[in-house]
Structure formats: structure tokens, C-alpha cells
PDB file of N, CA and C in Angstrom:
ATOM      1  N   MET A   1       0.828  -1.167   0.000  1.00  0.00           N
ATOM      2  CA  MET A   1       0.000   0.000   0.000  1.00  0.00           C
ATOM      3  C   MET A   1       0.883   1.244   0.000  1.00  0.00           C
ATOM      4  N   LYS A   2       0.531   2.192  -0.813  1.00  0.00           N
ATOM      5  CA  LYS A   2       1.303   3.424  -0.924  1.00  0.00           C
ATOM      6  C   LYS A   2       0.844   4.420   0.135  1.00  0.00           C
ATOM      7  N   HIS A   3       1.822   5.207   0.582  1.00  0.00           N
ATOM      8  CA  HIS A   3       1.496   6.294   1.511  1.00  0.00           C
ATOM      9  C   HIS A   3       0.875   7.435   0.731  1.00  0.00           C
ATOM     10  N   PRO A   4      -0.036   8.115   1.337  1.00  0.00           N
ATOM     11  CA  PRO A   4      -0.632   9.251   0.644  1.00  0.00           C
ATOM     12  C   PRO A   4       0.422  10.325   0.362  1.00  0.00           C
ATOM     13  N   ALA A   5       0.188  11.118  -0.658  1.00  0.00           N
ATOM     14  CA  ALA A   5       1.126  12.164  -1.061  1.00  0.00           C
ATOM     15  C   ALA A   5       1.311  13.208   0.038  1.00  0.00           C
ATOM     16  N   SER A   6       0.338  13.377   0.896  1.00  0.00           N
ATOM     17  CA  SER A   6       0.435  14.396   1.948  1.00  0.00           C
ATOM     18  C   SER A   6       1.406  13.988   3.057  1.00  0.00           C
ATOM     19  N   ALA A   7       1.791  12.730   3.162  1.00  0.00           N
ATOM     20  CA  ALA A   7       2.707  12.281   4.205  1.00  0.00           C
ATOM     21  C   ALA A   7       4.113  12.804   3.960  1.00  0.00           C
ATOM     22  N   ARG A   8       4.512  12.936   2.720  1.00  0.00           N
ATOM     23  CA  ARG A   8       5.857  13.394   2.393  1.00  0.00           C
ATOM     24  C   ARG A   8       6.077  14.848   2.831  1.00  0.00           C
ATOM     25  N   PRO A   9       5.172  15.784   2.534  1.00  0.00           N
ATOM     26  CA  PRO A   9       5.382  17.153   3.002  1.00  0.00           C
ATOM     27  C   PRO A   9       5.405  17.245   4.533  1.00  0.00           C
ATOM     28  N   ARG A  10       4.624  16.436   5.213  1.00  0.00           N
ATOM     29  CA  ARG A  10       4.614  16.471   6.670  1.00  0.00           C
ATOM     30  C   ARG A  10       5.970  16.031   7.224  1.00  0.00           C
ATOM     31  N   LYS A  11       6.544  14.986   6.652  1.00  0.00           N
ATOM     32  CA  LYS A  11       7.844  14.498   7.087  1.00  0.00           C
ATOM     33  C   LYS A  11       8.908  15.558   6.810  1.00  0.00           C
ATOM     34  N   THR A  12       8.830  16.213   5.667  1.00  0.00           N
ATOM     35  CA  THR A  12       9.776  17.270   5.319  1.00  0.00           C
ATOM     36  C   THR A  12       9.655  18.428   6.309  1.00  0.00           C
ATOM     37  N   GLY A  13       8.445  18.755   6.695  1.00  0.00           N
ATOM     38  CA  GLY A  13       8.223  19.831   7.667  1.00  0.00           C
ATOM     39  C   GLY A  13       8.826  19.514   9.018  1.00  0.00           C
ATOM     40  N   ILE A  14       8.689  18.265   9.446  1.00  0.00           N
ATOM     41  CA  ILE A  14       9.252  17.852  10.732  1.00  0.00           C
ATOM     42  C   ILE A  14      10.772  17.928  10.691  1.00  0.00           C
ATOM     43  N   ILE A  15      11.369  17.487   9.592  1.00  0.00           N
ATOM     44  CA  ILE A  15      12.828  17.556   9.445  1.00  0.00           C
ATOM     45  C   ILE A  15      13.286  19.014   9.454  1.00  0.00           C
ATOM     46  N   PHE A  16      12.546  19.882   8.771  1.00  0.00           N
ATOM     47  CA  PHE A  16      12.892  21.303   8.727  1.00  0.00           C
ATOM     48  C   PHE A  16      12.835  21.917  10.127  1.00  0.00           C
ATOM     49  N   ILE A  17      11.788  21.619  10.867  1.00  0.00           N
ATOM     50  CA  ILE A  17      11.648  22.158  12.224  1.00  0.00           C
ATOM     51  C   ILE A  17      12.770  21.649  13.124  1.00  0.00           C
ATOM     52  N   ALA A  18      13.113  20.379  13.002  1.00  0.00           N
ATOM     53  CA  ALA A  18      14.204  19.812  13.798  1.00  0.00           C
ATOM     54  C   ALA A  18      15.529  20.497  13.457  1.00  0.00           C
ATOM     55  N   ALA A  19      15.763  20.768  12.174  1.00  0.00           N
ATOM     56  CA  ALA A  19      16.997  21.438  11.759  1.00  0.00           C
ATOM     57  C   ALA A  19      17.058  22.866  12.304  1.00  0.00           C
ATOM     58  N   VAL A  20      15.942  23.569  12.273  1.00  0.00           N
ATOM     59  CA  VAL A  20      15.898  24.936  12.806  1.00  0.00           C
ATOM     60  C   VAL A  20      16.149  24.926  14.313  1.00  0.00           C
ATOM     61  N   LEU A  21      15.553  23.984  15.022  1.00  0.00           N
ATOM     62  CA  LEU A  21      15.783  23.881  16.465  1.00  0.00           C
ATOM     63  C   LEU A  21      17.243  23.567  16.778  1.00  0.00           C
ATOM     64  N   ALA A  22      17.841  22.654  16.017  1.00  0.00           N
ATOM     65  CA  ALA A  22      19.248  22.310  16.231  1.00  0.00           C
ATOM     66  C   ALA A  22      20.144  23.521  15.973  1.00  0.00           C
ATOM     67  N   ALA A  23      19.878  24.258  14.902  1.00  0.00           N
ATOM     68  CA  ALA A  23      20.670  25.452  14.595  1.00  0.00           C
ATOM     69  C   ALA A  23      20.503  26.506  15.688  1.00  0.00           C
ATOM     70  N   SER A  24      19.300  26.644  16.205  1.00  0.00           N
ATOM     71  CA  SER A  24      19.045  27.612  17.276  1.00  0.00           C
ATOM     72  C   SER A  24      19.813  27.242  18.542  1.00  0.00           C
ATOM     73  N   LEU A  25      19.814  25.965  18.883  1.00  0.00           N
ATOM     74  CA  LEU A  25      20.554  25.519  20.065  1.00  0.00           C
ATOM     75  C   LEU A  25      22.050  25.741  19.899  1.00  0.00           C
ATOM     76  N   LEU A  26      22.580  25.475  18.716  1.00  0.00           N
ATOM     77  CA  LEU A  26      24.004  25.715  18.463  1.00  0.00           C
ATOM     78  C   LEU A  26      24.330  27.202  18.571  1.00  0.00           C
ATOM     79  N   ALA A  27      23.485  28.051  18.008  1.00  0.00           N
ATOM     80  CA  ALA A  27      23.710  29.498  18.087  1.00  0.00           C
ATOM     81  C   ALA A  27      23.647  29.973  19.535  1.00  0.00           C
ATOM     82  N   TRP A  28      22.660  29.489  20.289  1.00  0.00           N
ATOM     83  CA  TRP A  28      22.536  29.862  21.692  1.00  0.00           C
ATOM     84  C   TRP A  28      23.777  29.431  22.478  1.00  0.00           C
ATOM     85  N   GLY A  29      24.251  28.216  22.230  1.00  0.00           N
ATOM     86  CA  GLY A  29      25.450  27.727  22.905  1.00  0.00           C
ATOM     87  C   GLY A  29      26.667  28.575  22.577  1.00  0.00           C
ATOM     88  N   GLY A  30      26.798  28.974  21.317  1.00  0.00           N
ATOM     89  CA  GLY A  30      27.910  29.835  20.916  1.00  0.00           C
ATOM     90  C   GLY A  30      27.860  31.185  21.605  1.00  0.00           C
ATOM     91  N   ILE A  31      26.685  31.740  21.715  1.00  0.00           N
ATOM     92  CA  ILE A  31      26.528  33.030  22.394  1.00  0.00           C
ATOM     93  C   ILE A  31      26.890  32.897  23.871  1.00  0.00           C
ATOM     94  N   GLN A  32      26.453  31.822  24.507  1.00  0.00           N
ATOM     95  CA  GLN A  32      26.768  31.614  25.922  1.00  0.00           C
ATOM     96  C   GLN A  32      28.269  31.476  26.140  1.00  0.00           C
ATOM     97  N   LEU A  33      28.954  30.775  25.237  1.00  0.00           N
ATOM     98  CA  LEU A  33      30.408  30.641  25.346  1.00  0.00           C
ATOM     99  C   LEU A  33      31.096  31.986  25.167  1.00  0.00           C
ATOM    100  N   ALA A  34      30.625  32.783  24.212  1.00  0.00           N
ATOM    101  CA  ALA A  34      31.219  34.099  23.975  1.00  0.00           C
ATOM    102  C   ALA A  34      31.028  35.011  25.180  1.00  0.00           C
ATOM    103  N   VAL A  35      29.855  34.980  25.775  1.00  0.00           N
ATOM    104  CA  VAL A  35      29.589  35.808  26.953  1.00  0.00           C
ATOM    105  C   VAL A  35      30.466  35.360  28.118  1.00  0.00           C
ATOM    106  N   ALA A  36      30.603  34.058  28.304  1.00  0.00           N
ATOM    107  CA  ALA A  36      31.431  33.540  29.400  1.00  0.00           C
ATOM    108  C   ALA A  36      32.894  33.905  29.199  1.00  0.00           C
ATOM    109  N   ALA A  37      33.378  33.824  27.966  1.00  0.00           N
ATOM    110  CA  ALA A  37      34.770  34.185  27.686  1.00  0.00           C
ATOM    111  C   ALA A  37      34.986  35.673  27.904  1.00  0.00           C
ATOM    112  N   ASN A  38      34.019  36.485  27.525  1.00  0.00           N
ATOM    113  CA  ASN A  38      34.126  37.930  27.680  1.00  0.00           C
ATOM    114  C   ASN A  38      34.060  38.329  29.149  1.00  0.00           C
ATOM    115  N   ALA A  39      33.355  37.561  29.962  1.00  0.00           N
ATOM    116  CA  ALA A  39      33.198  37.890  31.380  1.00  0.00           C
ATOM    117  C   ALA A  39      34.536  37.897  32.104  1.00  0.00           C
ATOM    118  N   ASP A  40      35.493  37.114  31.637  1.00  0.00           N
ATOM    119  CA  ASP A  40      36.801  37.054  32.273  1.00  0.00           C
ATOM    120  C   ASP A  40      37.618  38.316  32.025  1.00  0.00           C
ATOM    121  N   HIS A  41      37.199  39.158  31.092  1.00  0.00           N
ATOM    122  CA  HIS A  41      37.975  40.336  30.718  1.00  0.00           C
ATOM    123  C   HIS A  41      37.256  41.630  31.089  1.00  0.00           C
ATOM    124  N   ARG A  42      36.482  41.593  32.150  1.00  0.00           N
ATOM    125  CA  ARG A  42      35.769  42.784  32.585  1.00  0.00           C
ATOM    126  C   ARG A  42      36.298  43.252  33.930  1.00  0.00           C
ATOM    127  N   GLN A  43      36.225  44.563  34.123  1.00  0.00           N
ATOM    128  CA  GLN A  43      36.622  45.144  35.397  1.00  0.00           C
ATOM    129  C   GLN A  43      35.543  46.115  35.853  1.00  0.00           C
ATOM    130  N   LEU A  44      35.538  46.370  37.129  1.00  0.00           N
ATOM    131  CA  LEU A  44      34.638  47.363  37.687  1.00  0.00           C
ATOM    132  C   LEU A  44      35.390  48.685  37.734  1.00  0.00           C
ATOM    133  N   GLN A  45      34.806  49.716  37.156  1.00  0.00           N
ATOM    134  CA  GLN A  45      35.410  51.048  37.182  1.00  0.00           C
ATOM    135  C   GLN A  45      34.579  51.934  38.100  1.00  0.00           C
ATOM    136  N   VAL A  46      35.260  52.552  39.061  1.00  0.00           N
ATOM    137  CA  VAL A  46      34.588  53.438  40.006  1.00  0.00           C
ATOM    138  C   VAL A  46      35.235  54.815  39.901  1.00  0.00           C
ATOM    139  N   ALA A  47      34.443  55.802  39.511  1.00  0.00           N
ATOM    140  CA  ALA A  47      34.915  57.191  39.450  1.00  0.00           C
ATOM    141  C   ALA A  47      34.273  57.933  40.613  1.00  0.00           C
ATOM    142  N   ASP A  48      35.117  58.519  41.474  1.00  0.00           N
ATOM    143  CA  ASP A  48      34.566  59.164  42.663  1.00  0.00           C
ATOM    144  C   ASP A  48      34.498  60.681  42.513  1.00  0.00           C
ATOM    145  N   GLY A  49      33.870  61.320  43.472  1.00  0.00           N
ATOM    146  CA  GLY A  49      33.649  62.756  43.438  1.00  0.00           C
ATOM    147  C   GLY A  49      34.904  63.587  43.590  1.00  0.00           C
ATOM    148  N   ASP A  50      36.011  62.984  44.012  1.00  0.00           N
ATOM    149  CA  ASP A  50      37.275  63.703  44.139  1.00  0.00           C
ATOM    150  C   ASP A  50      38.131  63.589  42.884  1.00  0.00           C
ATOM    151  N   GLY A  51      37.585  62.974  41.831  1.00  0.00           N
ATOM    152  CA  GLY A  51      38.310  62.878  40.567  1.00  0.00           C
ATOM    153  C   GLY A  51      39.182  61.645  40.414  1.00  0.00           C
ATOM    154  N   GLN A  52      39.110  60.719  41.343  1.00  0.00           N
ATOM    155  CA  GLN A  52      39.898  59.487  41.263  1.00  0.00           C
ATOM    156  C   GLN A  52      39.111  58.408  40.524  1.00  0.00           C
ATOM    157  N   THR A  53      39.829  57.578  39.754  1.00  0.00           N
ATOM    158  CA  THR A  53      39.215  56.432  39.081  1.00  0.00           C
ATOM    159  C   THR A  53      39.886  55.168  39.586  1.00  0.00           C
ATOM    160  N   HIS A  54      39.076  54.194  39.962  1.00  0.00           N
ATOM    161  CA  HIS A  54      39.577  52.936  40.513  1.00  0.00           C
ATOM    162  C   HIS A  54      39.110  51.793  39.620  1.00  0.00           C
ATOM    163  N   LEU A  55      40.007  50.838  39.333  1.00  0.00           N
ATOM    164  CA  LEU A  55      39.654  49.633  38.580  1.00  0.00           C
ATOM    165  C   LEU A  55      39.757  48.438  39.514  1.00  0.00           C
ATOM    166  N   LEU A  56      38.692  47.649  39.556  1.00  0.00           N
ATOM    167  CA  LEU A  56      38.634  46.491  40.447  1.00  0.00           C
ATOM    168  C   LEU A  56      38.283  45.248  39.644  1.00  0.00           C
ATOM    169  N   PRO A  57      38.820  44.091  40.024  1.00  0.00           N
ATOM    170  CA  PRO A  57      38.484  42.860  39.305  1.00  0.00           C
ATOM    171  C   PRO A  57      37.056  42.413  39.598  1.00  0.00           C
ATOM    172  N   LEU A  58      36.356  41.994  38.555  1.00  0.00           N
ATOM    173  CA  LEU A  58      34.993  41.472  38.741  1.00  0.00           C
ATOM    174  C   LEU A  58      34.997  39.978  39.038  1.00  0.00           C
ATOM    175  N   ASP A  59      36.144  39.333  38.859  1.00  0.00           N
ATOM    176  CA  ASP A  59      36.202  37.892  39.089  1.00  0.00           C
ATOM    177  C   ASP A  59      36.663  37.548  40.509  1.00  0.00           C
ATOM    178  N   GLN A  60      36.798  38.562  41.364  1.00  0.00           N
ATOM    179  CA  GLN A  60      37.175  38.337  42.761  1.00  0.00           C
ATOM    180  C   GLN A  60      36.128  38.988  43.659  1.00  0.00           C
ATOM    181  N   ASP A  61      35.455  38.181  44.440  1.00  0.00           N
ATOM    182  CA  ASP A  61      34.428  38.697  45.342  1.00  0.00           C
ATOM    183  C   ASP A  61      35.061  39.535  46.452  1.00  0.00           C
ATOM    184  N   GLY A  62      34.366  40.590  46.850  1.00  0.00           N
ATOM    185  CA  GLY A  62      34.859  41.425  47.936  1.00  0.00           C
ATOM    186  C   GLY A  62      34.039  42.685  48.089  1.00  0.00           C
ATOM    187  N   SER A  63      34.302  43.413  49.165  1.00  0.00           N
ATOM    188  CA  SER A  63      33.658  44.700  49.415  1.00  0.00           C
ATOM    189  C   SER A  63      34.725  45.780  49.418  1.00  0.00           C
ATOM    190  N   TYR A  64      34.396  46.915  48.813  1.00  0.00           N
ATOM    191  CA  TYR A  64      35.344  48.009  48.660  1.00  0.00           C
ATOM    192  C   TYR A  64      34.699  49.292  49.171  1.00  0.00           C
ATOM    193  N   THR A  65      35.415  50.001  50.029  1.00  0.00           N
ATOM    194  CA  THR A  65      34.909  51.242  50.609  1.00  0.00           C
ATOM    195  C   THR A  65      35.567  52.429  49.924  1.00  0.00           C
ATOM    196  N   PHE A  66      34.737  53.383  49.514  1.00  0.00           N
ATOM    197  CA  PHE A  66      35.220  54.599  48.867  1.00  0.00           C
ATOM    198  C   PHE A  66      34.774  55.784  49.715  1.00  0.00           C
ATOM    199  N   THR A  67      35.757  56.467  50.304  1.00  0.00           N
ATOM    200  CA  THR A  67      35.474  57.635  51.124  1.00  0.00           C
ATOM    201  C   THR A  67      36.078  58.853  50.446  1.00  0.00           C
ATOM    202  N   THR A  68      35.238  59.838  50.180  1.00  0.00           N
ATOM    203  CA  THR A  68      35.684  61.082  49.552  1.00  0.00           C
ATOM    204  C   THR A  68      35.242  62.248  50.428  1.00  0.00           C
ATOM    205  N   SER A  69      35.515  63.439  49.952  1.00  0.00           N
ATOM    206  CA  SER A  69      35.084  64.630  50.687  1.00  0.00           C
ATOM    207  C   SER A  69      33.561  64.755  50.723  1.00  0.00           C
ATOM    208  N   LEU A  70      32.867  63.986  49.869  1.00  0.00           N
ATOM    209  CA  LEU A  70      31.407  64.055  49.787  1.00  0.00           C
ATOM    210  C   LEU A  70      30.696  62.978  50.605  1.00  0.00           C
ATOM    211  N   GLY A  71      31.406  61.917  50.986  1.00  0.00           N
ATOM    212  CA  GLY A  71      30.775  60.850  51.757  1.00  0.00           C
ATOM    213  C   GLY A  71      31.415  59.500  51.513  1.00  0.00           C
ATOM    214  N   THR A  72      30.785  58.456  52.052  1.00  0.00           N
ATOM    215  CA  THR A  72      31.315  57.095  51.981  1.00  0.00           C
ATOM    216  C   THR A  72      30.316  56.164  51.307  1.00  0.00           C
ATOM    217  N   ASN A  73      30.841  55.337  50.394  1.00  0.00           N
ATOM    218  CA  ASN A  73      30.056  54.306  49.713  1.00  0.00           C
ATOM    219  C   ASN A  73      30.794  52.984  49.831  1.00  0.00           C
ATOM    220  N   VAL A  74      30.046  51.894  49.944  1.00  0.00           N
ATOM    221  CA  VAL A  74      30.620  50.550  49.939  1.00  0.00           C
ATOM    222  C   VAL A  74      30.030  49.797  48.750  1.00  0.00           C
ATOM    223  N   VAL A  75      30.918  49.322  47.867  1.00  0.00           N
ATOM    224  CA  VAL A  75      30.526  48.555  46.686  1.00  0.00           C
ATOM    225  C   VAL A  75      30.921  47.108  46.925  1.00  0.00           C
ATOM    226  N   THR A  76      29.996  46.185  46.673  1.00  0.00           N
ATOM    227  CA  THR A  76      30.261  44.757  46.839  1.00  0.00           C
ATOM    228  C   THR A  76      30.275  44.071  45.484  1.00  0.00           C
ATOM    229  N   VAL A  77      31.313  43.253  45.262  1.00  0.00           N
ATOM    230  CA  VAL A  77      31.430  42.442  44.054  1.00  0.00           C
ATOM    231  C   VAL A  77      31.206  40.992  44.456  1.00  0.00           C
ATOM    232  N   ALA A  78      30.300  40.311  43.751  1.00  0.00           N
ATOM    233  CA  ALA A  78      30.025  38.897  44.022  1.00  0.00           C
ATOM    234  C   ALA A  78      29.530  38.233  42.747  1.00  0.00           C
ATOM    235  N   ASP A  79      30.124  37.109  42.409  1.00  0.00           N
ATOM    236  CA  ASP A  79      29.701  36.301  41.260  1.00  0.00           C
ATOM    237  C   ASP A  79      29.664  37.098  39.956  1.00  0.00           C
ATOM    238  N   GLY A  80      30.640  37.967  39.742  1.00  0.00           N
ATOM    239  CA  GLY A  80      30.734  38.708  38.488  1.00  0.00           C
ATOM    240  C   GLY A  80      29.810  39.897  38.370  1.00  0.00           C
ATOM    241  N   SER A  81      29.148  40.271  39.449  1.00  0.00           N
ATOM    242  CA  SER A  81      28.286  41.456  39.413  1.00  0.00           C
ATOM    243  C   SER A  81      28.652  42.366  40.586  1.00  0.00           C
ATOM    244  N   ALA A  82      28.190  43.609  40.509  1.00  0.00           N
ATOM    245  CA  ALA A  82      28.503  44.581  41.554  1.00  0.00           C
ATOM    246  C   ALA A  82      27.229  45.293  41.984  1.00  0.00           C
ATOM    247  N   ARG A  83      27.209  45.704  43.243  1.00  0.00           N
ATOM    248  CA  ARG A  83      26.074  46.470  43.750  1.00  0.00           C
ATOM    249  C   ARG A  83      26.571  47.415  44.837  1.00  0.00           C
ATOM    250  N   MET A  84      25.792  48.459  45.077  1.00  0.00           N
ATOM    251  CA  MET A  84      26.097  49.394  46.148  1.00  0.00           C
ATOM    252  C   MET A  84      25.553  48.787  47.436  1.00  0.00           C
ATOM    253  N   GLU A  85      26.453  48.411  48.302  1.00  0.00           N
ATOM    254  CA  GLU A  85      26.073  47.769  49.569  1.00  0.00           C
ATOM    255  C   GLU A  85      25.535  48.790  50.568  1.00  0.00           C
ATOM    256  N   SER A  86      26.242  49.909  50.700  1.00  0.00           N
ATOM    257  CA  SER A  86      25.792  50.942  51.629  1.00  0.00           C
ATOM    258  C   SER A  86      26.326  52.298  51.194  1.00  0.00           C
ATOM    259  N   SER A  87      25.678  53.334  51.711  1.00  0.00           N
ATOM    260  CA  SER A  87      26.070  54.704  51.406  1.00  0.00           C
ATOM    261  C   SER A  87      25.508  55.602  52.495  1.00  0.00           C
ATOM    262  N   ASP A  88      26.248  56.653  52.826  1.00  0.00           N
ATOM    263  CA  ASP A  88      25.726  57.592  53.814  1.00  0.00           C
ATOM    264  C   ASP A  88      25.058  58.800  53.152  1.00  0.00           C
ATOM    265  N   CYS A  89      24.659  58.624  51.897  1.00  0.00           N
ATOM    266  CA  CYS A  89      23.946  59.691  51.187  1.00  0.00           C
ATOM    267  C   CYS A  89      22.468  59.692  51.592  1.00  0.00           C
ATOM    268  N   PRO A  90      21.798  60.830  51.430  1.00  0.00           N
ATOM    269  CA  PRO A  90      20.362  60.850  51.723  1.00  0.00           C
ATOM    270  C   PRO A  90      19.583  60.128  50.629  1.00  0.00           C
ATOM    271  N   GLY A  91      18.555  59.417  51.004  1.00  0.00           N
ATOM    272  CA  GLY A  91      17.693  58.758  50.023  1.00  0.00           C
ATOM    273  C   GLY A  91      18.123  57.364  49.623  1.00  0.00           C
ATOM    274  N   HIS A  92      19.406  57.098  49.563  1.00  0.00           N
ATOM    275  CA  HIS A  92      19.951  55.790  49.199  1.00  0.00           C
ATOM    276  C   HIS A  92      19.464  55.272  47.843  1.00  0.00           C
ATOM    277  N   ASP A  93      19.253  56.172  46.887  1.00  0.00           N
ATOM    278  CA  ASP A  93      18.835  55.739  45.550  1.00  0.00           C
ATOM    279  C   ASP A  93      19.873  54.833  44.901  1.00  0.00           C
ATOM    280  N   CYS A  94      21.146  55.057  45.195  1.00  0.00           N
ATOM    281  CA  CYS A  94      22.208  54.236  44.601  1.00  0.00           C
ATOM    282  C   CYS A  94      22.107  52.784  45.068  1.00  0.00           C
ATOM    283  N   ILE A  95      21.671  52.568  46.286  1.00  0.00           N
ATOM    284  CA  ILE A  95      21.498  51.210  46.803  1.00  0.00           C
ATOM    285  C   ILE A  95      20.306  50.542  46.124  1.00  0.00           C
ATOM    286  N   ASP A  96      19.258  51.321  45.900  1.00  0.00           N
ATOM    287  CA  ASP A  96      18.039  50.789  45.285  1.00  0.00           C
ATOM    288  C   ASP A  96      18.215  50.427  43.812  1.00  0.00           C
ATOM    289  N   GLN A  97      19.313  50.861  43.183  1.00  0.00           N
ATOM    290  CA  GLN A  97      19.526  50.568  41.764  1.00  0.00           C
ATOM    291  C   GLN A  97      19.843  49.096  41.510  1.00  0.00           C
ATOM    292  N   GLY A  98      20.184  48.345  42.534  1.00  0.00           N
ATOM    293  CA  GLY A  98      20.436  46.912  42.367  1.00  0.00           C
ATOM    294  C   GLY A  98      21.818  46.621  41.816  1.00  0.00           C
ATOM    295  N   SER A  99      22.009  45.392  41.318  1.00  0.00           N
ATOM    296  CA  SER A  99      23.326  44.983  40.829  1.00  0.00           C
ATOM    297  C   SER A  99      23.465  45.187  39.334  1.00  0.00           C
ATOM    298  N   ILE A 100      24.727  45.298  38.921  1.00  0.00           N
ATOM    299  CA  ILE A 100      25.055  45.412  37.501  1.00  0.00           C
ATOM    300  C   ILE A 100      26.009  44.286  37.143  1.00  0.00           C
ATOM    301  N   ASP A 101      25.916  43.813  35.893  1.00  0.00           N
ATOM    302  CA  ASP A 101      26.832  42.756  35.460  1.00  0.00           C
ATOM    303  C   ASP A 101      27.248  42.881  34.001  1.00  0.00           C
ATOM    304  N   ASN A 102      26.908  43.991  33.344  1.00  0.00           N
ATOM    305  CA  ASN A 102      27.405  44.206  31.979  1.00  0.00           C
ATOM    306  C   ASN A 102      27.658  45.687  31.740  1.00  0.00           C
ATOM    307  N   ALA A 103      28.346  45.977  30.647  1.00  0.00           N
ATOM    308  CA  ALA A 103      28.810  47.339  30.377  1.00  0.00           C
ATOM    309  C   ALA A 103      27.685  48.318  30.081  1.00  0.00           C
ATOM    310  N   ALA A 104      26.493  47.842  29.850  1.00  0.00           N
ATOM    311  CA  ALA A 104      25.372  48.737  29.551  1.00  0.00           C
ATOM    312  C   ALA A 104      24.726  49.290  30.818  1.00  0.00           C
ATOM    313  N   GLU A 105      25.197  48.876  31.976  1.00  0.00           N
ATOM    314  CA  GLU A 105      24.574  49.269  33.237  1.00  0.00           C
ATOM    315  C   GLU A 105      25.535  50.097  34.086  1.00  0.00           C
ATOM    316  N   MET A 106      24.961  50.974  34.909  1.00  0.00           N
ATOM    317  CA  MET A 106      25.752  51.800  35.819  1.00  0.00           C
ATOM    318  C   MET A 106      24.995  51.969  37.132  1.00  0.00           C
ATOM    319  N   ILE A 107      25.755  52.222  38.172  1.00  0.00           N
ATOM    320  CA  ILE A 107      25.189  52.634  39.454  1.00  0.00           C
ATOM    321  C   ILE A 107      25.737  54.031  39.718  1.00  0.00           C
ATOM    322  N   ILE A 108      24.848  54.969  40.013  1.00  0.00           N
ATOM    323  CA  ILE A 108      25.275  56.350  40.215  1.00  0.00           C
ATOM    324  C   ILE A 108      24.756  56.850  41.560  1.00  0.00           C
ATOM    325  N   CYS A 109      25.668  57.372  42.354  1.00  0.00           N
ATOM    326  CA  CYS A 109      25.310  58.039  43.605  1.00  0.00           C
ATOM    327  C   CYS A 109      25.473  59.540  43.346  1.00  0.00           C
ATOM    328  N   MET A 110      24.372  60.213  43.094  1.00  0.00           N
ATOM    329  CA  MET A 110      24.416  61.635  42.741  1.00  0.00           C
ATOM    330  C   MET A 110      24.981  62.515  43.863  1.00  0.00           C
ATOM    331  N   PRO A 111      24.553  62.356  45.122  1.00  0.00           N
ATOM    332  CA  PRO A 111      25.092  63.239  46.170  1.00  0.00           C
ATOM    333  C   PRO A 111      26.611  63.112  46.336  1.00  0.00           C
ATOM    334  N   HIS A 112      27.146  61.904  46.123  1.00  0.00           N
ATOM    335  CA  HIS A 112      28.585  61.684  46.293  1.00  0.00           C
ATOM    336  C   HIS A 112      29.352  61.766  44.976  1.00  0.00           C
ATOM    337  N   LYS A 113      28.627  61.967  43.881  1.00  0.00           N
ATOM    338  CA  LYS A 113      29.228  62.024  42.541  1.00  0.00           C
ATOM    339  C   LYS A 113      30.087  60.781  42.279  1.00  0.00           C
ATOM    340  N   LEU A 114      29.561  59.620  42.657  1.00  0.00           N
ATOM    341  CA  LEU A 114      30.249  58.346  42.485  1.00  0.00           C
ATOM    342  C   LEU A 114      29.561  57.573  41.369  1.00  0.00           C
ATOM    343  N   ILE A 115      30.359  57.141  40.377  1.00  0.00           N
ATOM    344  CA  ILE A 115      29.823  56.399  39.235  1.00  0.00           C
ATOM    345  C   ILE A 115      30.503  55.038  39.184  1.00  0.00           C
ATOM    346  N   VAL A 116      29.700  53.989  39.176  1.00  0.00           N
ATOM    347  CA  VAL A 116      30.197  52.611  39.130  1.00  0.00           C
ATOM    348  C   VAL A 116      29.734  51.995  37.815  1.00  0.00           C
ATOM    349  N   GLY A 117      30.681  51.452  37.046  1.00  0.00           N
ATOM    350  CA  GLY A 117      30.336  50.820  35.776  1.00  0.00           C
ATOM    351  C   GLY A 117      31.282  49.679  35.465  1.00  0.00           C
ATOM    352  N   ILE A 118      30.950  48.915  34.450  1.00  0.00           N
ATOM    353  CA  ILE A 118      31.768  47.776  34.035  1.00  0.00           C
ATOM    354  C   ILE A 118      32.427  48.115  32.709  1.00  0.00           C
ATOM    355  N   VAL A 119      33.733  47.848  32.623  1.00  0.00           N
ATOM    356  CA  VAL A 119      34.503  48.118  31.410  1.00  0.00           C
ATOM    357  C   VAL A 119      35.305  46.878  31.039  1.00  0.00           C
ATOM    358  N   GLU A 120      35.725  46.824  29.777  1.00  0.00           N
ATOM    359  CA  GLU A 120      36.592  45.741  29.322  1.00  0.00           C
ATOM    360  C   GLU A 120      37.991  45.940  29.891  1.00  0.00           C
ATOM    361  N   ASP A 121      38.642  44.864  30.267  1.00  0.00           N
ATOM    362  CA  ASP A 121      40.018  44.899  30.741  1.00  0.00           C
ATOM    363  C   ASP A 121      40.908  45.262  29.556  1.00  0.00           C
ATOM    364  N   GLU A 122      41.596  46.404  29.626  1.00  0.00           N
ATOM    365  CA  GLU A 122      42.395  46.891  28.498  1.00  0.00           C
ATOM    366  C   GLU A 122      43.591  46.000  28.193  1.00  0.00           C
ATOM    367  N   GLU A 123      44.068  45.230  29.169  1.00  0.00           N
ATOM    368  CA  GLU A 123      45.224  44.368  28.954  1.00  0.00           C
ATOM    369  C   GLU A 123      44.882  43.137  28.137  1.00  0.00           C
ATOM    370  N   ASN A 124      43.610  42.762  28.071  1.00  0.00           N
ATOM    371  CA  ASN A 124      43.198  41.564  27.341  1.00  0.00           C
ATOM    372  C   ASN A 124      42.453  41.977  26.122  1.00  0.00           C
TER     373      ASN A 124
END
């Protein structure tokens, strides 16, 4: 007995969908590898209100205190991200900004003129 002609297009459609899914998974995996490789070459840049710029490793967990003529801020680095742990500024908006983990994000403490951002490691 012959299979109906409509069975062939259905089988072709299933193969096409499987190929698209496989290609999507490969692309997703490649992107994840690229992001992971890039994560090793990032640093935390902190510019304070006194005109100093500090570079800190994002791959080492720790807390860093920045005291300037405008006040004190504590930045915590954990698991490749950074957040403002504490600040003696009024309002604490910088603390409420949450954590950052890529170069498109910043934490800004306006009263202390402190800017925290992520930059690529220039040596790599």
C-alpha cells in the first residue's frame, strides 16, 4: 500500500523544524560561550567625586569602601556582578539601583558624585 502524497510534506516539515531547532541551540550555545569568555575580561570602574578612578576585578568577590570629601560608599562584588552595599547619602537611591553585570549598566550616587560601571580589561 502506498502512503498518501500528503505524508511526504509532513515528514519534510518535521525535518525542517528539527533542523531549525538544532541550529538555534548551536547558536545559543555559541553566544553563551562568547559571553562567558568575555566575562573574564571585565573590570569594575569606580569614578569618585574627588576625581579618582579605581579599577577592580569582577572575578574576585569582595567589598570596597570609597570615602571622599562628599561621603562614603561601599561597593560589593560577588559572582561577576557589583552592587552598592551601603552609602551615607540621603535617600539611598544608589542602593536601590540593584546589581550590575554588563557594560550597559551603571550605578550612580548623585550626592557623592560616584559612578560605578563595568569596562573591558584593556590588557586583554
